[in-house]
Amino acid sequence: MNRIRELRLQNGMKQTELARRMNCSPTTISSYETNYREIDAPTIRKLCEIFGCTSDYLLGLSALPAPELTPEEESLLAAWRRCDDRAKDVVLVALAPFASGQSQSETG
């Protein structure tokens, strides 16, 4: 199923309502849903705003509709991506007790 159609139905919208919110015709919505018409970047952005999802989810590149990371978690992820292999090994050792589901008090 096309993600646009899936999201529209999950939100209880008819094509006419989505078309009104997108300022286009229901035929245009139908052509997006059937992959008959390519979606440009501004349209993707607007659909993501309406449905509260990421463009990756809308385009079928992600299984998660919206990021579930806090700003702090996003910062940690960005730092992780900048780390070299040695630094990543140190972090993995430090996090190992938590990855197994143990609480800090259980680890010593």
C-alpha atoms as a PDB file:
ATOM      1  CA  MET A   1       0.000   0.000   0.000  1.00  0.00           C
ATOM      2  CA  ASN A   2       1.242   3.481  -0.828  1.00  0.00           C
ATOM      3  CA  ARG A   3       2.315   5.400   2.288  1.00  0.00           C
ATOM      4  CA  ILE A   4       0.319   8.494   1.337  1.00  0.00           C
ATOM      5  CA  ARG A   5      -2.849   6.442   1.100  1.00  0.00           C
ATOM      6  CA  GLU A   6      -1.942   4.562   4.272  1.00  0.00           C
ATOM      7  CA  LEU A   7      -1.375   7.782   6.231  1.00  0.00           C
ATOM      8  CA  ARG A   8      -4.478   9.406   4.796  1.00  0.00           C
ATOM      9  CA  LEU A   9      -6.626   6.457   5.859  1.00  0.00           C
ATOM     10  CA  GLN A  10      -4.992   6.272   9.305  1.00  0.00           C
ATOM     11  CA  ASN A  11      -5.929   9.913   9.767  1.00  0.00           C
ATOM     12  CA  GLY A  12      -9.501   9.306   8.639  1.00  0.00           C
ATOM     13  CA  MET A  13      -9.190  11.552   5.594  1.00  0.00           C
ATOM     14  CA  LYS A  14     -10.821  11.267   2.224  1.00  0.00           C
ATOM     15  CA  GLN A  15      -8.852  12.257  -0.854  1.00  0.00           C
ATOM     16  CA  THR A  16     -10.978  15.402  -1.099  1.00  0.00           C
ATOM     17  CA  GLU A  17      -9.987  16.543   2.399  1.00  0.00           C
ATOM     18  CA  LEU A  18      -6.284  15.919   1.785  1.00  0.00           C
ATOM     19  CA  ALA A  19      -6.563  17.685  -1.567  1.00  0.00           C
ATOM     20  CA  ARG A  20      -8.122  20.703   0.145  1.00  0.00           C
ATOM     21  CA  ARG A  21      -5.312  20.803   2.709  1.00  0.00           C
ATOM     22  CA  MET A  22      -2.719  20.416  -0.052  1.00  0.00           C
ATOM     23  CA  ASN A  23      -4.424  23.020  -2.239  1.00  0.00           C
ATOM     24  CA  CYS A  24      -4.719  20.631  -5.177  1.00  0.00           C
ATOM     25  CA  SER A  25      -7.337  18.415  -6.794  1.00  0.00           C
ATOM     26  CA  PRO A  26      -8.435  14.989  -5.535  1.00  0.00           C
ATOM     27  CA  THR A  27      -7.212  13.647  -8.879  1.00  0.00           C
ATOM     28  CA  THR A  28      -3.724  14.837  -8.004  1.00  0.00           C
ATOM     29  CA  ILE A  29      -3.901  13.020  -4.653  1.00  0.00           C
ATOM     30  CA  SER A  30      -5.062   9.892  -6.466  1.00  0.00           C
ATOM     31  CA  SER A  31      -2.158  10.124  -8.894  1.00  0.00           C
ATOM     32  CA  TYR A  32       0.298  10.415  -5.965  1.00  0.00           C
ATOM     33  CA  GLU A  33      -1.273   7.416  -4.261  1.00  0.00           C
ATOM     34  CA  THR A  34      -1.071   5.250  -7.377  1.00  0.00           C
ATOM     35  CA  ASN A  35       2.491   6.400  -8.132  1.00  0.00           C
ATOM     36  CA  TYR A  36       1.236   7.757 -11.457  1.00  0.00           C
ATOM     37  CA  ARG A  37       2.658  11.182 -10.641  1.00  0.00           C
ATOM     38  CA  GLU A  38       6.054  12.027  -9.128  1.00  0.00           C
ATOM     39  CA  ILE A  39       6.013  14.028  -5.910  1.00  0.00           C
ATOM     40  CA  ASP A  40       8.256  17.097  -5.748  1.00  0.00           C
ATOM     41  CA  ALA A  41      10.139  18.216  -2.626  1.00  0.00           C
ATOM     42  CA  PRO A  42       7.701  20.978  -1.553  1.00  0.00           C
ATOM     43  CA  THR A  43       4.807  18.502  -1.808  1.00  0.00           C
ATOM     44  CA  ILE A  44       6.710  15.917   0.246  1.00  0.00           C
ATOM     45  CA  ARG A  45       7.418  18.569   2.873  1.00  0.00           C
ATOM     46  CA  LYS A  46       3.744  19.565   3.050  1.00  0.00           C
ATOM     47  CA  LEU A  47       2.577  15.944   3.323  1.00  0.00           C
ATOM     48  CA  CYS A  48       5.066  15.345   6.138  1.00  0.00           C
ATOM     49  CA  GLU A  49       3.720  18.397   7.989  1.00  0.00           C
ATOM     50  CA  ILE A  50       0.138  17.219   7.580  1.00  0.00           C
ATOM     51  CA  PHE A  51       0.837  13.634   8.664  1.00  0.00           C
ATOM     52  CA  GLY A  52       3.572  14.347  11.219  1.00  0.00           C
ATOM     53  CA  CYS A  53       6.006  11.924   9.642  1.00  0.00           C
ATOM     54  CA  THR A  54       9.469  12.013   8.125  1.00  0.00           C
ATOM     55  CA  SER A  55      10.102  12.149   4.400  1.00  0.00           C
ATOM     56  CA  ASP A  56      11.960   8.837   4.703  1.00  0.00           C
ATOM     57  CA  TYR A  57       8.814   7.207   6.061  1.00  0.00           C
ATOM     58  CA  LEU A  58       6.605   8.841   3.439  1.00  0.00           C
ATOM     59  CA  LEU A  59       8.887   7.570   0.662  1.00  0.00           C
ATOM     60  CA  GLY A  60       9.141   4.059   2.121  1.00  0.00           C
ATOM     61  CA  LEU A  61      12.777   4.393   3.200  1.00  0.00           C
ATOM     62  CA  SER A  62      12.064   3.985   6.919  1.00  0.00           C
ATOM     63  CA  ALA A  63       9.754   1.814   8.976  1.00  0.00           C
ATOM     64  CA  LEU A  64       9.312   4.530  11.626  1.00  0.00           C
ATOM     65  CA  PRO A  65       6.826   7.317  10.864  1.00  0.00           C
ATOM     66  CA  ALA A  66       8.552   9.846  13.090  1.00  0.00           C
ATOM     67  CA  PRO A  67      11.821  10.023  14.957  1.00  0.00           C
ATOM     68  CA  GLU A  68      11.520   8.901  18.541  1.00  0.00           C
ATOM     69  CA  LEU A  69      14.768  10.483  19.710  1.00  0.00           C
ATOM     70  CA  THR A  70      15.020  13.277  22.235  1.00  0.00           C
ATOM     71  CA  PRO A  71      17.301  16.218  21.392  1.00  0.00           C
ATOM     72  CA  GLU A  72      19.871  14.761  23.817  1.00  0.00           C
ATOM     73  CA  GLU A  73      19.724  11.388  22.050  1.00  0.00           C
ATOM     74  CA  GLU A  74      20.130  13.087  18.669  1.00  0.00           C
ATOM     75  CA  SER A  75      23.198  14.890  20.021  1.00  0.00           C
ATOM     76  CA  LEU A  76      24.678  11.618  21.264  1.00  0.00           C
ATOM     77  CA  LEU A  77      24.015   9.965  17.915  1.00  0.00           C
ATOM     78  CA  ALA A  78      25.718  12.828  16.095  1.00  0.00           C
ATOM     79  CA  ALA A  79      28.733  12.518  18.431  1.00  0.00           C
ATOM     80  CA  TRP A  80      28.825   8.750  17.831  1.00  0.00           C
ATOM     81  CA  ARG A  81      28.977   9.310  14.086  1.00  0.00           C
ATOM     82  CA  ARG A  82      32.005  11.585  14.549  1.00  0.00           C
ATOM     83  CA  CYS A  83      33.882   9.030  16.701  1.00  0.00           C
ATOM     84  CA  ASP A  84      36.741   6.937  15.415  1.00  0.00           C
ATOM     85  CA  ASP A  85      36.744   3.162  15.967  1.00  0.00           C
ATOM     86  CA  ARG A  86      38.775   3.385  19.195  1.00  0.00           C
ATOM     87  CA  ALA A  87      36.358   5.860  20.762  1.00  0.00           C
ATOM     88  CA  LYS A  88      33.385   3.720  19.701  1.00  0.00           C
ATOM     89  CA  ASP A  89      34.977   0.683  21.387  1.00  0.00           C
ATOM     90  CA  VAL A  90      35.297   2.649  24.660  1.00  0.00           C
ATOM     91  CA  VAL A  91      31.659   3.743  24.475  1.00  0.00           C
ATOM     92  CA  LEU A  92      30.470   0.204  23.740  1.00  0.00           C
ATOM     93  CA  VAL A  93      32.355  -1.133  26.766  1.00  0.00           C
ATOM     94  CA  ALA A  94      30.832   1.587  28.979  1.00  0.00           C
ATOM     95  CA  LEU A  95      27.328   0.859  27.700  1.00  0.00           C
ATOM     96  CA  ALA A  96      27.559  -2.945  27.737  1.00  0.00           C
ATOM     97  CA  PRO A  97      25.876  -3.369  31.163  1.00  0.00           C
ATOM     98  CA  PHE A  98      22.952  -1.228  30.037  1.00  0.00           C
ATOM     99  CA  ALA A  99      22.569  -2.969  26.691  1.00  0.00           C
ATOM    100  CA  SER A 100      21.865  -6.240  28.494  1.00  0.00           C
ATOM    101  CA  GLY A 101      19.002  -4.659  30.430  1.00  0.00           C
ATOM    102  CA  GLN A 102      20.802  -4.443  33.776  1.00  0.00           C
ATOM    103  CA  SER A 103      20.311  -1.314  35.812  1.00  0.00           C
ATOM    104  CA  GLN A 104      23.257   0.709  37.077  1.00  0.00           C
ATOM    105  CA  SER A 105      22.666  -0.484  40.651  1.00  0.00           C
ATOM    106  CA  GLU A 106      22.869  -4.119  39.521  1.00  0.00           C
ATOM    107  CA  THR A 107      26.253  -3.589  37.868  1.00  0.00           C
ATOM    108  CA  GLY A 108      28.098  -2.566  41.012  1.00  0.00           C
END
